[in-house]
Amino acid sequence: MFKSPLFFKIATLIGCVGLLLVPLMMVSDLVAERASYRSLVEDSLRQSTSGPQKLIGPMIAVPTTEIYTVVEDDKNVLRKRMYFRYWLPESLTVEGQQNVESREIGIYEGQIWHTTLTVNAQFERSKLDALMKAEENVTLGEPFLVMSVGDSRGIGVVEAPELNGIPATVEPGSGIHGDLPGLHIPLSTAMLDARTLSLSMTLNLNGTGSFSVVPVGRNSELALTSNWPHPGFLGDFLPVQREITDKGFSARWQSSWFATDLGSQFNRGYRVAWDELPAFKVSVATPADQYQLADRATKYAILLIALTFMAFFVFETLTALRLHPMQYLLVGLSLVMFYLVLLALSEHIGFTPAWIAASLTGAFINGIYLQAVLKGWRNSLLFTVALLALDGVMWVLLRSEDSALLLGTGVLLVALSAVMFLTRHFDWYSLSKPKAKPIVPEGDELRVWK
């Protein structure tokens, strides 16, 4: 069997496919490298402007100093602990209008968003009375209103903050944690003596990546409208309503302490895990760009090469024409070059035009080459059209991610059915039989002399 021409042919084709894996891996590495350059652009925008924003608050913080006793070496030792008690709002409503703009650095692109937020919160005086209740060994400081963000560089203009209709003064810094940026509002005695405390303010917030709001209110709601048509709804809560169009999206979130349990998480302020607080969250998601699509396309390269080699093998089997392994390799390299051309062009003209241009370029090169290899334009055009059809099938596979397995299985099934149909009458044993040596009759032509 190992001396059979059929076995040798199949082993040679498998070896050719193995050799083509080397340039394919190089193209795949190049795609990853170019994608990393794009990520560096996003990091540069984040460093030059501001990063993801997480809005925590508004809430009222009460500085607390506690003296407590611990036992060390059988002695009672006094220790001091400083932390904050928090007065959370009964209701919190945040409305935002987001505008996303694209910034280009070289041939790469990233997004920056600007959001105008209107914040309204209601506080009940009875909750403050419970916090300010006198306790032994506990000293309370002056309460102040706190609002924290993810990156203070993104804080723009803070317009018209009002407490119970009275203009308030906004100071930089959250004042409650060294690594917790934001702003705070000092509270007067008259504000704290009111039965209810109402906050109304407008805040311009800029950032990159995601935007999130922690629902600190007993009942919290976030309504956001944006011009970005590719939102990524992440976080701990999905929006209760959303609408996405080509011009942007609008979404609304709603939650309460029954779902978040934030009331109990803030009972002891020194134990608040700020980074782990649940939040309404949406990200400015980048749609599948040319690098993601090119990476997915290279994963189908082996399928494209295998189908092409199968077509050539069937053509050889049904005709008297024989193709050399080097001719297989050259056609395979042209298919690998397709992905390199696709990547290079997609960075400048977009993925779809690049796919069309790369397909036509590959078809033209193979058409000219196969005209000489297959001894005629008829067979050359037939294979060129088949290659264009395969490129079209690959395009459908890329765009139909949810149905990729079904479509890929269908392509393989059709290819196998075509091979079985075309070779149903072929005698495969004829390829395994050694060719008979021609018999040369002995005659005068073999004599050296006469």
Protein backbone atom coordinates (compact mmCIF):
# COMPACT_ATOMS: atom_id res chain seq x y z
CA MET A 1 0.00 0.00 0.00
CA PHE A 2 2.84 2.39 0.85
CA LYS A 3 4.19 2.05 -2.69
CA SER A 4 0.84 2.92 -4.21
CA PRO A 5 0.79 6.12 -6.32
CA LEU A 6 -2.54 7.04 -4.69
CA PHE A 7 -1.07 6.80 -1.19
CA PHE A 8 1.96 8.82 -2.27
CA LYS A 9 -0.26 11.50 -3.78
CA ILE A 10 -2.44 11.86 -0.70
CA ALA A 11 0.61 11.95 1.61
CA THR A 12 2.17 14.64 -0.59
CA LEU A 13 -0.97 16.80 -0.47
CA ILE A 14 -1.14 16.45 3.32
CA GLY A 15 2.50 17.54 3.47
CA CYS A 16 1.70 20.56 1.29
CA VAL A 17 -1.10 21.57 3.67
CA GLY A 18 1.30 21.17 6.60
CA LEU A 19 3.85 23.45 4.91
CA LEU A 20 1.19 26.09 4.28
CA LEU A 21 0.40 26.14 8.00
CA VAL A 22 3.71 27.98 8.56
CA PRO A 23 2.84 31.13 6.55
CA LEU A 24 -0.72 30.95 7.89
CA MET A 25 0.59 31.10 11.45
CA MET A 26 2.76 34.06 10.48
CA VAL A 27 -0.28 35.89 9.08
CA SER A 28 -2.24 35.07 12.23
CA ASP A 29 0.57 36.47 14.40
CA LEU A 30 0.62 39.60 12.26
CA VAL A 31 -3.12 40.08 12.78
CA ALA A 32 -2.63 39.82 16.56
CA GLU A 33 0.26 42.28 16.41
CA ARG A 34 -1.73 44.88 14.47
CA ALA A 35 -4.65 44.43 16.87
CA SER A 36 -2.32 45.11 19.79
CA TYR A 37 -1.31 48.39 18.14
CA ARG A 38 -4.99 49.33 18.04
CA SER A 39 -5.27 48.50 21.76
CA LEU A 40 -2.33 50.80 22.46
CA VAL A 41 -4.28 53.61 20.81
CA GLU A 42 -7.20 52.97 23.15
CA ASP A 43 -4.81 53.02 26.11
CA SER A 44 -3.33 56.29 24.87
CA LEU A 45 -6.77 57.88 24.68
CA ARG A 46 -7.52 56.63 28.19
CA GLN A 47 -4.28 58.11 29.53
CA SER A 48 -4.79 61.42 27.72
CA THR A 49 -8.43 61.91 28.70
CA SER A 50 -10.04 59.69 31.34
CA GLY A 51 -10.87 56.04 31.83
CA PRO A 52 -14.09 54.15 32.57
CA GLN A 53 -16.43 55.99 34.92
CA LYS A 54 -18.33 54.51 37.86
CA LEU A 55 -20.70 56.90 39.60
CA ILE A 56 -21.23 56.16 43.31
CA GLY A 57 -23.66 58.42 45.09
CA PRO A 58 -24.90 60.86 46.00
CA MET A 59 -24.82 59.83 49.64
CA ILE A 60 -24.10 61.61 52.93
CA ALA A 61 -21.00 60.57 54.86
CA VAL A 62 -20.66 61.05 58.61
CA PRO A 63 -17.02 60.96 59.89
CA THR A 64 -16.85 58.60 62.84
CA THR A 65 -14.11 58.09 65.42
CA GLU A 66 -14.45 55.04 67.66
CA ILE A 67 -12.39 54.20 70.72
CA TYR A 68 -12.34 50.50 71.48
CA THR A 69 -10.44 48.11 73.74
CA VAL A 70 -8.30 45.14 72.75
CA VAL A 71 -6.42 42.68 74.92
CA GLU A 72 -2.66 42.48 74.35
CA ASP A 73 -0.38 40.52 76.70
CA ASP A 74 -3.22 40.17 79.21
CA LYS A 75 -3.68 43.94 79.24
CA ASN A 76 -6.52 46.12 77.98
CA VAL A 77 -5.22 48.51 75.33
CA LEU A 78 -7.24 51.39 73.87
CA ARG A 79 -7.32 51.67 70.08
CA LYS A 80 -8.80 54.31 67.80
CA ARG A 81 -10.58 53.55 64.56
CA MET A 82 -11.80 56.15 62.06
CA TYR A 83 -14.39 55.40 59.41
CA PHE A 84 -17.59 56.79 57.88
CA ARG A 85 -21.24 56.09 58.40
CA TYR A 86 -23.41 56.59 55.35
CA TRP A 87 -26.85 58.08 54.89
CA LEU A 88 -28.22 56.67 51.63
CA PRO A 89 -31.03 58.29 49.63
CA GLU A 90 -34.57 56.98 49.60
CA SER A 91 -34.80 57.60 45.86
CA LEU A 92 -32.19 58.21 43.19
CA THR A 93 -32.84 59.22 39.59
CA VAL A 94 -30.07 59.74 37.04
CA GLU A 95 -30.77 60.88 33.49
CA GLY A 96 -27.96 61.05 30.97
CA GLN A 97 -27.41 62.25 27.41
CA GLN A 98 -24.29 60.64 25.99
CA ASN A 99 -22.37 61.77 22.93
CA VAL A 100 -19.68 59.43 21.56
CA GLU A 101 -17.00 60.72 19.23
CA SER A 102 -14.22 58.87 17.45
CA ARG A 103 -10.59 59.92 17.65
CA GLU A 104 -7.94 58.77 15.18
CA ILE A 105 -4.25 58.23 15.88
CA GLY A 106 -2.57 57.26 12.63
CA ILE A 107 -4.69 54.59 10.97
CA TYR A 108 -6.23 53.46 14.26
CA GLU A 109 -9.40 54.70 15.91
CA GLY A 110 -10.82 54.87 19.43
CA GLN A 111 -13.89 56.35 21.09
CA ILE A 112 -14.36 59.04 23.74
CA TRP A 113 -17.76 59.77 25.27
CA HIS A 114 -19.20 62.88 26.88
CA THR A 115 -22.27 62.55 29.09
CA THR A 116 -24.47 65.22 30.63
CA LEU A 117 -26.02 63.80 33.80
CA THR A 118 -28.98 65.15 35.73
CA VAL A 119 -28.99 63.74 39.27
CA ASN A 120 -31.93 63.92 41.69
CA ALA A 121 -31.90 62.32 45.14
CA GLN A 122 -34.20 62.42 48.19
CA PHE A 123 -32.99 61.81 51.77
CA GLU A 124 -35.18 61.16 54.85
CA ARG A 125 -34.19 62.99 58.06
CA SER A 126 -35.12 60.02 60.29
CA LYS A 127 -32.26 57.96 58.87
CA LEU A 128 -29.77 60.65 59.85
CA ASP A 129 -31.12 60.66 63.42
CA ALA A 130 -30.30 56.96 63.68
CA LEU A 131 -26.77 57.57 62.42
CA MET A 132 -26.16 60.53 64.75
CA LYS A 133 -27.44 58.71 67.83
CA ALA A 134 -24.96 59.13 70.68
CA GLU A 135 -22.91 56.07 71.52
CA GLU A 136 -20.26 55.48 74.16
CA ASN A 137 -16.69 55.86 72.90
CA VAL A 138 -17.94 57.17 69.52
CA THR A 139 -17.40 60.73 68.24
CA LEU A 140 -19.19 61.97 65.15
CA GLY A 141 -17.99 64.70 62.81
CA GLU A 142 -19.80 67.06 60.45
CA PRO A 143 -21.75 65.23 57.70
CA PHE A 144 -21.15 66.08 54.05
CA LEU A 145 -22.60 64.93 50.76
CA VAL A 146 -20.39 62.70 48.59
CA MET A 147 -20.39 61.70 44.93
CA SER A 148 -17.60 59.48 43.62
CA VAL A 149 -16.50 58.80 40.03
CA GLY A 150 -14.01 56.39 38.46
CA ASP A 151 -11.59 59.02 37.11
CA SER A 152 -11.69 62.61 38.36
CA ARG A 153 -10.10 63.88 35.12
CA GLY A 154 -13.43 63.24 33.44
CA ILE A 155 -15.38 65.64 35.67
CA GLY A 156 -16.46 68.61 33.63
CA VAL A 157 -18.72 71.47 34.64
CA VAL A 158 -20.93 70.91 37.70
CA GLU A 159 -23.99 73.05 37.04
CA ALA A 160 -26.49 74.44 39.52
CA PRO A 161 -26.27 72.03 42.47
CA GLU A 162 -29.17 72.72 44.83
CA LEU A 163 -30.10 71.30 48.24
CA ASN A 164 -33.77 71.92 49.07
CA GLY A 165 -33.75 74.62 46.39
CA ILE A 166 -30.77 76.43 47.91
CA PRO A 167 -27.57 76.71 45.81
CA ALA A 168 -24.75 74.62 47.24
CA THR A 169 -20.98 74.80 47.00
CA VAL A 170 -19.14 71.91 45.40
CA GLU A 171 -15.62 71.00 46.51
CA PRO A 172 -13.14 68.66 44.71
CA GLY A 173 -12.36 65.22 46.09
CA SER A 174 -14.70 62.73 47.68
CA GLY A 175 -13.19 63.24 51.13
CA ILE A 176 -13.85 59.64 52.20
CA HIS A 177 -11.10 57.55 50.66
CA GLY A 178 -7.66 58.32 49.32
CA ASP A 179 -8.20 56.32 46.13
CA LEU A 180 -11.83 57.31 45.61
CA PRO A 181 -11.95 60.39 43.34
CA GLY A 182 -15.01 62.56 43.06
CA LEU A 183 -16.54 65.64 44.68
CA HIS A 184 -18.33 66.59 47.89
CA ILE A 185 -20.74 69.24 49.14
CA PRO A 186 -20.51 70.62 52.70
CA LEU A 187 -23.84 70.58 54.53
CA SER A 188 -25.07 73.38 56.74
CA THR A 189 -27.00 72.91 59.99
CA ALA A 190 -30.16 74.29 58.39
CA MET A 191 -30.01 71.66 55.65
CA LEU A 192 -29.59 68.86 58.17
CA ASP A 193 -32.49 70.08 60.29
CA ALA A 194 -34.96 69.88 57.39
CA ARG A 195 -37.43 66.99 57.38
CA THR A 196 -36.27 65.91 53.94
CA LEU A 197 -33.19 66.75 51.95
CA SER A 198 -33.49 67.01 48.17
CA LEU A 199 -30.48 67.20 45.86
CA SER A 200 -30.65 68.36 42.26
CA MET A 201 -27.56 68.85 40.12
CA THR A 202 -26.20 68.58 36.59
CA LEU A 203 -22.79 67.05 35.95
CA ASN A 204 -20.76 66.80 32.75
CA LEU A 205 -18.78 63.57 32.81
CA ASN A 206 -16.28 62.38 30.19
CA GLY A 207 -14.66 59.00 29.81
CA THR A 208 -13.67 56.03 27.69
CA GLY A 209 -14.92 52.47 27.74
CA SER A 210 -17.75 51.87 30.19
CA PHE A 211 -20.10 54.04 32.22
CA SER A 212 -21.83 52.68 35.32
CA VAL A 213 -24.01 53.91 38.15
CA VAL A 214 -24.25 52.24 41.57
CA PRO A 215 -27.94 52.18 42.63
CA VAL A 216 -27.37 53.51 46.16
CA GLY A 217 -30.99 54.65 46.55
CA ARG A 218 -33.67 52.54 48.16
CA ASN A 219 -35.26 52.91 44.73
CA SER A 220 -32.87 53.79 41.91
CA GLU A 221 -33.35 54.51 38.23
CA LEU A 222 -31.01 55.35 35.36
CA ALA A 223 -32.15 56.58 31.94
CA LEU A 224 -29.47 56.98 29.28
CA THR A 225 -29.65 58.11 25.66
CA SER A 226 -26.65 57.89 23.33
CA ASN A 227 -25.69 58.37 19.69
CA TRP A 228 -23.58 55.17 19.73
CA PRO A 229 -25.30 52.26 17.94
CA HIS A 230 -23.15 49.51 19.52
CA PRO A 231 -23.80 49.45 23.27
CA GLY A 232 -22.58 46.66 25.50
CA PHE A 233 -25.00 46.09 28.38
CA LEU A 234 -22.86 44.58 31.10
CA GLY A 235 -22.80 44.85 34.86
CA ASP A 236 -25.09 43.30 37.43
CA PHE A 237 -28.39 44.45 35.95
CA LEU A 238 -29.75 44.46 32.43
CA PRO A 239 -31.87 47.44 31.42
CA VAL A 240 -35.62 46.97 31.88
CA GLN A 241 -36.17 48.84 28.62
CA ARG A 242 -33.87 49.42 25.68
CA GLU A 243 -34.03 50.48 22.06
CA ILE A 244 -31.12 50.26 19.63
CA THR A 245 -31.11 51.83 16.17
CA ASP A 246 -28.52 52.82 13.60
CA LYS A 247 -28.50 56.31 15.14
CA GLY A 248 -27.91 55.25 18.74
CA PHE A 249 -29.64 53.68 21.71
CA SER A 250 -31.77 54.52 24.71
CA ALA A 251 -32.04 52.38 27.83
CA ARG A 252 -33.53 52.50 31.31
CA TRP A 253 -32.44 50.60 34.43
CA GLN A 254 -34.36 50.24 37.66
CA SER A 255 -33.57 48.51 40.94
CA SER A 256 -34.10 48.63 44.71
CA TRP A 257 -32.42 47.50 47.91
CA PHE A 258 -34.36 44.26 47.70
CA ALA A 259 -32.14 43.34 44.73
CA THR A 260 -28.89 45.09 45.67
CA ASP A 261 -28.86 44.83 49.49
CA LEU A 262 -26.79 48.03 49.52
CA GLY A 263 -28.44 49.22 52.72
CA SER A 264 -26.73 46.47 54.72
CA GLN A 265 -23.44 46.83 52.83
CA PHE A 266 -23.14 50.44 54.02
CA ASN A 267 -24.05 49.72 57.65
CA ARG A 268 -20.36 49.60 58.55
CA GLY A 269 -18.55 52.07 56.38
CA TYR A 270 -15.03 50.82 57.05
CA ARG A 271 -15.93 47.55 55.35
CA VAL A 272 -17.35 48.92 52.09
CA ALA A 273 -15.81 47.18 49.06
CA TRP A 274 -16.13 50.03 46.57
CA ASP A 275 -14.92 48.10 43.52
CA GLU A 276 -17.40 45.27 44.15
CA LEU A 277 -20.58 47.33 44.46
CA PRO A 278 -23.27 46.23 41.97
CA ALA A 279 -24.01 48.74 39.23
CA PHE A 280 -26.02 49.61 36.15
CA LYS A 281 -23.43 49.45 33.39
CA VAL A 282 -23.10 50.08 29.67
CA SER A 283 -19.95 50.16 27.57
CA VAL A 284 -19.11 51.86 24.31
CA ALA A 285 -18.46 48.55 22.59
CA THR A 286 -16.38 48.45 19.44
CA PRO A 287 -18.15 46.41 16.73
CA ALA A 288 -16.29 43.51 15.17
CA ASP A 289 -13.40 45.41 13.56
CA GLN A 290 -11.10 44.36 10.74
CA TYR A 291 -8.70 42.60 13.10
CA GLN A 292 -11.35 40.46 14.75
CA LEU A 293 -12.83 39.60 11.35
CA ALA A 294 -9.39 38.90 9.85
CA ASP A 295 -8.54 36.64 12.80
CA ARG A 296 -11.78 34.71 12.28
CA ALA A 297 -11.11 34.53 8.54
CA THR A 298 -7.67 32.95 9.03
CA LYS A 299 -9.30 30.21 11.09
CA TYR A 300 -11.23 29.18 7.97
CA ALA A 301 -8.09 29.24 5.79
CA ILE A 302 -7.43 25.51 6.16
CA LEU A 303 -10.98 24.80 5.02
CA LEU A 304 -10.47 26.97 1.94
CA ILE A 305 -7.12 25.36 1.09
CA ALA A 306 -8.41 21.82 1.68
CA LEU A 307 -11.44 22.36 -0.57
CA THR A 308 -9.22 23.83 -3.31
CA PHE A 309 -6.78 20.93 -3.14
CA MET A 310 -9.70 18.50 -3.17
CA ALA A 311 -11.00 20.11 -6.35
CA PHE A 312 -7.60 19.79 -8.02
CA PHE A 313 -7.27 16.16 -6.89
CA VAL A 314 -10.68 15.26 -8.34
CA PHE A 315 -9.74 17.07 -11.56
CA GLU A 316 -6.56 15.01 -11.78
CA THR A 317 -8.46 11.83 -11.09
CA LEU A 318 -11.04 12.43 -13.83
CA THR A 319 -8.60 13.66 -16.46
CA ALA A 320 -5.26 12.61 -17.81
CA LEU A 321 -3.67 15.87 -16.66
CA ARG A 322 -1.25 15.60 -13.73
CA LEU A 323 -0.34 18.46 -11.38
CA HIS A 324 3.00 18.70 -9.62
CA PRO A 325 3.10 19.23 -5.81
CA MET A 326 4.89 22.54 -6.43
CA GLN A 327 1.86 23.72 -8.41
CA TYR A 328 -0.35 22.81 -5.47
CA LEU A 329 1.95 24.79 -3.17
CA LEU A 330 1.96 27.87 -5.39
CA VAL A 331 -1.84 27.93 -5.54
CA GLY A 332 -1.93 27.38 -1.76
CA LEU A 333 0.46 30.28 -1.21
CA SER A 334 -1.77 32.51 -3.31
CA LEU A 335 -4.63 31.60 -0.97
CA VAL A 336 -2.47 32.52 2.04
CA MET A 337 -1.54 35.79 0.33
CA PHE A 338 -5.27 36.53 0.13
CA TYR A 339 -5.38 36.98 3.92
CA LEU A 340 -2.32 39.20 3.96
CA VAL A 341 -3.79 41.45 1.26
CA LEU A 342 -7.08 41.44 3.17
CA LEU A 343 -5.39 42.63 6.38
CA ALA A 344 -3.31 45.32 4.65
CA LEU A 345 -6.22 46.80 2.71
CA SER A 346 -8.77 46.58 5.54
CA GLU A 347 -6.76 49.07 7.63
CA HIS A 348 -7.34 51.72 4.97
CA ILE A 349 -10.56 50.99 3.07
CA GLY A 350 -12.58 48.84 5.48
CA PHE A 351 -13.08 45.11 5.73
CA THR A 352 -15.80 44.57 3.12
CA PRO A 353 -14.09 46.49 0.26
CA ALA A 354 -10.79 44.81 1.25
CA TRP A 355 -12.40 41.37 1.05
CA ILE A 356 -13.74 42.10 -2.44
CA ALA A 357 -10.40 43.51 -3.62
CA ALA A 358 -8.42 40.57 -2.18
CA SER A 359 -10.82 38.05 -3.73
CA LEU A 360 -10.60 39.64 -7.18
CA THR A 361 -6.82 39.93 -6.94
CA GLY A 362 -6.45 36.27 -5.99
CA ALA A 363 -8.88 35.21 -8.73
CA PHE A 364 -6.93 37.20 -11.35
CA ILE A 365 -3.55 35.74 -10.33
CA ASN A 366 -4.84 32.17 -10.17
CA GLY A 367 -6.77 32.58 -13.42
CA ILE A 368 -3.62 33.53 -15.33
CA TYR A 369 -1.56 30.80 -13.66
CA LEU A 370 -4.12 28.02 -14.03
CA GLN A 371 -4.59 28.82 -17.71
CA ALA A 372 -1.07 27.50 -18.32
CA VAL A 373 -1.25 24.72 -15.73
CA LEU A 374 -4.64 23.34 -16.84
CA LYS A 375 -3.94 23.79 -20.55
CA GLY A 376 -6.78 26.11 -21.46
CA TRP A 377 -9.01 28.99 -20.45
CA ARG A 378 -12.09 26.83 -19.97
CA ASN A 379 -10.73 24.89 -17.00
CA SER A 380 -8.99 28.00 -15.68
CA LEU A 381 -12.21 30.02 -15.64
CA LEU A 382 -14.06 27.14 -14.03
CA PHE A 383 -11.61 26.99 -11.12
CA THR A 384 -11.45 30.80 -10.84
CA VAL A 385 -15.22 31.00 -10.48
CA ALA A 386 -15.07 28.19 -7.92
CA LEU A 387 -12.47 30.14 -5.88
CA LEU A 388 -14.64 33.25 -5.95
CA ALA A 389 -17.59 31.15 -4.82
CA LEU A 390 -15.53 29.78 -1.92
CA ASP A 391 -14.57 33.34 -0.95
CA GLY A 392 -18.25 34.20 -0.94
CA VAL A 393 -19.03 31.22 1.28
CA MET A 394 -16.26 32.26 3.69
CA TRP A 395 -17.76 35.77 3.81
CA VAL A 396 -21.15 34.36 4.73
CA LEU A 397 -19.53 32.26 7.46
CA LEU A 398 -17.85 35.35 8.92
CA ARG A 399 -21.04 37.39 8.95
CA SER A 400 -23.20 34.59 10.34
CA GLU A 401 -21.42 33.83 13.59
CA ASP A 402 -24.47 32.25 15.19
CA SER A 403 -24.95 29.92 12.19
CA ALA A 404 -21.26 29.35 11.38
CA LEU A 405 -21.31 25.69 12.45
CA LEU A 406 -24.43 24.98 10.42
CA LEU A 407 -23.11 26.73 7.30
CA GLY A 408 -19.65 25.16 7.61
CA THR A 409 -21.16 21.72 7.96
CA GLY A 410 -23.30 22.38 4.91
CA VAL A 411 -20.27 23.40 2.84
CA LEU A 412 -18.37 20.24 3.79
CA LEU A 413 -21.43 18.11 3.08
CA VAL A 414 -21.86 19.64 -0.38
CA ALA A 415 -18.12 19.21 -1.14
CA LEU A 416 -18.17 15.56 -0.06
CA SER A 417 -21.35 14.90 -2.04
CA ALA A 418 -19.79 16.48 -5.16
CA VAL A 419 -16.67 14.32 -4.86
CA MET A 420 -18.74 11.16 -4.36
CA PHE A 421 -20.94 11.98 -7.34
CA LEU A 422 -18.10 12.82 -9.73
CA THR A 423 -16.06 9.75 -8.81
CA ARG A 424 -18.89 7.25 -8.41
CA HIS A 425 -17.82 5.31 -11.53
CA PHE A 426 -14.08 5.68 -11.08
CA ASP A 427 -11.88 2.62 -10.48
CA TRP A 428 -9.61 3.62 -7.60
CA TYR A 429 -7.65 0.37 -7.89
CA SER A 430 -6.40 1.55 -11.26
CA LEU A 431 -4.35 4.23 -9.48
CA SER A 432 -2.71 1.62 -7.28
CA LYS A 433 -1.58 -0.68 -10.07
CA PRO A 434 2.04 -0.16 -11.14
CA LYS A 435 2.44 0.92 -14.72
CA ALA A 436 3.77 -1.81 -17.06
CA LYS A 437 7.17 -1.16 -18.52
CA PRO A 438 7.16 -0.86 -22.31
CA ILE A 439 8.58 -3.91 -24.09
CA VAL A 440 11.30 -3.05 -26.55
CA PRO A 441 11.88 -5.83 -29.15
CA GLU A 442 15.40 -6.92 -29.69
CA GLY A 443 16.58 -5.81 -33.07
CA ASP A 444 19.49 -4.44 -35.01
CA GLU A 445 18.97 -1.08 -33.43
CA LEU A 446 20.46 -2.50 -30.16
CA ARG A 447 23.61 -3.71 -31.86
CA VAL A 448 26.74 -1.68 -31.65
CA TRP A 449 28.06 -3.06 -34.88
CA LYS A 450 26.72 -4.78 -37.99
